[in-house]
């Protein structure tokens, strides 16, 4: 059983609703997605699909926020940073994917400050 499967099973333990799915904050390179790097966008989508397949609810601000927030405008970027914190605090855990970047290290530190369990996966979604 993979670490992801075990983690989700543990989070679902003792929940009255058998359809319960914990919210998982997806940590992946933010900047490349915002820049529109197609390869990065596809990778982040695959990470979200992985969380979903493990019976979690993926929370992925780098795919969601650029749809309506201009992250190149400093005021809106600050609001997005606040939204990220709110979303993270609502999640059961944070899962970091791929090679560490400045963006991912920031979110890992933030998750740890919020006392969230952080799990690490490579780009093939294997835990390490």
C-alpha atoms as a PDB file:
ATOM      1  CA  UNK A   1       0.000   0.000   0.000  1.00  0.00           C
ATOM      2  CA  UNK A   2       1.446   3.388  -0.982  1.00  0.00           C
ATOM      3  CA  UNK A   3       1.944   6.235   1.460  1.00  0.00           C
ATOM      4  CA  UNK A   4      -0.805   8.184  -0.318  1.00  0.00           C
ATOM      5  CA  UNK A   5      -3.332   5.371   0.057  1.00  0.00           C
ATOM      6  CA  UNK A   6      -2.411   4.889   3.709  1.00  0.00           C
ATOM      7  CA  UNK A   7      -2.612   8.636   4.412  1.00  0.00           C
ATOM      8  CA  UNK A   8      -6.069   8.984   2.879  1.00  0.00           C
ATOM      9  CA  UNK A   9      -7.330   5.858   4.664  1.00  0.00           C
ATOM     10  CA  UNK A  10      -6.119   7.312   7.959  1.00  0.00           C
ATOM     11  CA  UNK A  11      -7.851  10.653   7.272  1.00  0.00           C
ATOM     12  CA  UNK A  12     -11.098   8.860   6.366  1.00  0.00           C
ATOM     13  CA  UNK A  13     -10.993   6.678   9.482  1.00  0.00           C
ATOM     14  CA  UNK A  14     -13.959   7.105  11.852  1.00  0.00           C
ATOM     15  CA  UNK A  15     -15.899   9.391   9.484  1.00  0.00           C
ATOM     16  CA  UNK A  16     -19.635   8.798   9.560  1.00  0.00           C
ATOM     17  CA  UNK A  17     -20.088   9.474   5.851  1.00  0.00           C
ATOM     18  CA  UNK A  18     -18.564   6.661   3.796  1.00  0.00           C
ATOM     19  CA  UNK A  19     -18.163   9.103   0.880  1.00  0.00           C
ATOM     20  CA  UNK A  20     -15.975  11.445   2.934  1.00  0.00           C
ATOM     21  CA  UNK A  21     -12.917  12.746   1.085  1.00  0.00           C
ATOM     22  CA  UNK A  22     -10.313  14.896   2.849  1.00  0.00           C
ATOM     23  CA  UNK A  23      -9.186  18.109   1.201  1.00  0.00           C
ATOM     24  CA  UNK A  24      -5.528  17.891   0.159  1.00  0.00           C
ATOM     25  CA  UNK A  25      -3.566  21.051  -0.650  1.00  0.00           C
ATOM     26  CA  UNK A  26      -1.512  20.394  -3.790  1.00  0.00           C
ATOM     27  CA  UNK A  27       1.956  21.943  -3.619  1.00  0.00           C
ATOM     28  CA  UNK A  28       3.535  22.239  -7.057  1.00  0.00           C
ATOM     29  CA  UNK A  29       5.506  24.915  -8.926  1.00  0.00           C
ATOM     30  CA  UNK A  30       3.193  27.936  -9.019  1.00  0.00           C
ATOM     31  CA  UNK A  31       5.183  30.352 -11.178  1.00  0.00           C
ATOM     32  CA  UNK A  32       5.466  28.082 -14.213  1.00  0.00           C
ATOM     33  CA  UNK A  33       1.713  27.434 -14.199  1.00  0.00           C
ATOM     34  CA  UNK A  34       0.920  31.146 -13.946  1.00  0.00           C
ATOM     35  CA  UNK A  35       3.310  31.817 -16.844  1.00  0.00           C
ATOM     36  CA  UNK A  36       1.248  29.378 -18.904  1.00  0.00           C
ATOM     37  CA  UNK A  37       3.878  26.647 -19.272  1.00  0.00           C
ATOM     38  CA  UNK A  38       1.760  23.892 -20.852  1.00  0.00           C
ATOM     39  CA  UNK A  39       4.011  21.102 -19.573  1.00  0.00           C
ATOM     40  CA  UNK A  40       3.812  22.451 -16.002  1.00  0.00           C
ATOM     41  CA  UNK A  41       0.033  22.858 -16.240  1.00  0.00           C
ATOM     42  CA  UNK A  42      -0.383  19.265 -17.427  1.00  0.00           C
ATOM     43  CA  UNK A  43       1.868  18.013 -14.623  1.00  0.00           C
ATOM     44  CA  UNK A  44      -0.116  19.882 -11.961  1.00  0.00           C
ATOM     45  CA  UNK A  45      -3.369  18.552 -13.408  1.00  0.00           C
ATOM     46  CA  UNK A  46      -1.955  15.032 -13.163  1.00  0.00           C
ATOM     47  CA  UNK A  47      -1.050  15.653  -9.501  1.00  0.00           C
ATOM     48  CA  UNK A  48      -4.636  16.752  -8.842  1.00  0.00           C
ATOM     49  CA  UNK A  49      -5.939  13.672 -10.635  1.00  0.00           C
ATOM     50  CA  UNK A  50      -3.687  11.528  -8.439  1.00  0.00           C
ATOM     51  CA  UNK A  51      -5.108  13.110  -5.263  1.00  0.00           C
ATOM     52  CA  UNK A  52      -8.623  12.537  -6.591  1.00  0.00           C
ATOM     53  CA  UNK A  53      -7.845   8.895  -7.442  1.00  0.00           C
ATOM     54  CA  UNK A  54      -6.578   8.392  -3.895  1.00  0.00           C
ATOM     55  CA  UNK A  55     -10.045   9.564  -2.657  1.00  0.00           C
ATOM     56  CA  UNK A  56      -8.949  13.065  -1.715  1.00  0.00           C
ATOM     57  CA  UNK A  57     -10.264  16.438  -2.837  1.00  0.00           C
ATOM     58  CA  UNK A  58      -7.412  18.295  -4.560  1.00  0.00           C
ATOM     59  CA  UNK A  59      -7.130  21.974  -3.643  1.00  0.00           C
ATOM     60  CA  UNK A  60      -4.860  23.566  -6.201  1.00  0.00           C
ATOM     61  CA  UNK A  61      -4.716  27.369  -6.189  1.00  0.00           C
ATOM     62  CA  UNK A  62      -2.218  27.593  -9.045  1.00  0.00           C
ATOM     63  CA  UNK A  63      -4.827  26.150 -11.411  1.00  0.00           C
ATOM     64  CA  UNK A  64      -7.774  27.944  -9.843  1.00  0.00           C
ATOM     65  CA  UNK A  65      -6.723  31.495  -8.949  1.00  0.00           C
ATOM     66  CA  UNK A  66      -5.268  32.635 -12.311  1.00  0.00           C
ATOM     67  CA  UNK A  67      -8.721  32.092 -13.811  1.00  0.00           C
ATOM     68  CA  UNK A  68      -9.962  35.308 -12.198  1.00  0.00           C
ATOM     69  CA  UNK A  69      -7.060  36.986 -10.372  1.00  0.00           C
ATOM     70  CA  UNK A  70      -4.344  38.925 -12.190  1.00  0.00           C
ATOM     71  CA  UNK A  71      -1.278  37.654 -10.343  1.00  0.00           C
ATOM     72  CA  UNK A  72       0.897  40.205 -12.161  1.00  0.00           C
ATOM     73  CA  UNK A  73      -0.881  43.025 -10.293  1.00  0.00           C
ATOM     74  CA  UNK A  74       0.676  43.440  -6.828  1.00  0.00           C
ATOM     75  CA  UNK A  75      -2.595  44.125  -4.949  1.00  0.00           C
ATOM     76  CA  UNK A  76      -4.288  41.085  -6.489  1.00  0.00           C
ATOM     77  CA  UNK A  77      -1.181  38.978  -5.858  1.00  0.00           C
ATOM     78  CA  UNK A  78      -1.391  39.882  -2.156  1.00  0.00           C
ATOM     79  CA  UNK A  79      -5.054  38.863  -2.088  1.00  0.00           C
ATOM     80  CA  UNK A  80      -4.129  35.576  -3.788  1.00  0.00           C
ATOM     81  CA  UNK A  81      -1.492  34.954  -1.115  1.00  0.00           C
ATOM     82  CA  UNK A  82      -4.169  35.389   1.558  1.00  0.00           C
ATOM     83  CA  UNK A  83      -6.526  33.052  -0.310  1.00  0.00           C
ATOM     84  CA  UNK A  84      -3.743  30.446  -0.440  1.00  0.00           C
ATOM     85  CA  UNK A  85      -3.415  30.596   3.344  1.00  0.00           C
ATOM     86  CA  UNK A  86      -7.168  30.259   3.838  1.00  0.00           C
ATOM     87  CA  UNK A  87      -7.356  27.285   1.477  1.00  0.00           C
ATOM     88  CA  UNK A  88      -4.376  25.603   3.108  1.00  0.00           C
ATOM     89  CA  UNK A  89      -5.839  25.958   6.601  1.00  0.00           C
ATOM     90  CA  UNK A  90      -9.029  24.235   5.420  1.00  0.00           C
ATOM     91  CA  UNK A  91      -7.110  21.211   4.110  1.00  0.00           C
ATOM     92  CA  UNK A  92      -6.313  18.064   6.068  1.00  0.00           C
ATOM     93  CA  UNK A  93      -2.801  17.736   4.601  1.00  0.00           C
ATOM     94  CA  UNK A  94      -0.470  19.204   2.003  1.00  0.00           C
ATOM     95  CA  UNK A  95       1.150  17.035  -0.660  1.00  0.00           C
ATOM     96  CA  UNK A  96       4.240  18.355  -2.438  1.00  0.00           C
ATOM     97  CA  UNK A  97       4.988  17.098  -5.937  1.00  0.00           C
ATOM     98  CA  UNK A  98       8.091  17.222  -8.113  1.00  0.00           C
ATOM     99  CA  UNK A  99      11.492  18.728  -7.560  1.00  0.00           C
ATOM    100  CA  UNK A 100      11.587  21.442  -4.897  1.00  0.00           C
ATOM    101  CA  UNK A 101      11.433  24.997  -6.234  1.00  0.00           C
ATOM    102  CA  UNK A 102      11.274  28.385  -4.540  1.00  0.00           C
ATOM    103  CA  UNK A 103       7.465  28.205  -4.829  1.00  0.00           C
ATOM    104  CA  UNK A 104       7.118  24.720  -3.391  1.00  0.00           C
ATOM    105  CA  UNK A 105       9.522  25.374  -0.531  1.00  0.00           C
ATOM    106  CA  UNK A 106       7.436  28.432   0.420  1.00  0.00           C
ATOM    107  CA  UNK A 107       4.229  26.374   0.548  1.00  0.00           C
ATOM    108  CA  UNK A 108       5.906  23.573   2.493  1.00  0.00           C
ATOM    109  CA  UNK A 109       7.094  26.088   5.105  1.00  0.00           C
ATOM    110  CA  UNK A 110       3.620  27.626   5.223  1.00  0.00           C
ATOM    111  CA  UNK A 111       1.979  24.201   5.656  1.00  0.00           C
ATOM    112  CA  UNK A 112       4.347  23.314   8.475  1.00  0.00           C
ATOM    113  CA  UNK A 113       3.647  26.639  10.210  1.00  0.00           C
ATOM    114  CA  UNK A 114      -0.043  25.754   9.999  1.00  0.00           C
ATOM    115  CA  UNK A 115       0.730  22.338  11.551  1.00  0.00           C
ATOM    116  CA  UNK A 116      -0.250  20.427   8.414  1.00  0.00           C
ATOM    117  CA  UNK A 117       1.246  17.050   7.594  1.00  0.00           C
ATOM    118  CA  UNK A 118       3.330  17.413   4.427  1.00  0.00           C
ATOM    119  CA  UNK A 119       3.870  14.407   2.187  1.00  0.00           C
ATOM    120  CA  UNK A 120       6.390  14.376  -0.652  1.00  0.00           C
ATOM    121  CA  UNK A 121       5.979  12.780  -4.086  1.00  0.00           C
ATOM    122  CA  UNK A 122       8.125  12.823  -7.197  1.00  0.00           C
ATOM    123  CA  UNK A 123       6.757  13.683 -10.643  1.00  0.00           C
ATOM    124  CA  UNK A 124       5.660  10.041 -11.088  1.00  0.00           C
ATOM    125  CA  UNK A 125       3.566  10.365  -7.894  1.00  0.00           C
ATOM    126  CA  UNK A 126       5.816   7.999  -5.948  1.00  0.00           C
ATOM    127  CA  UNK A 127       6.358   8.936  -2.314  1.00  0.00           C
ATOM    128  CA  UNK A 128       9.852   9.631  -1.054  1.00  0.00           C
END
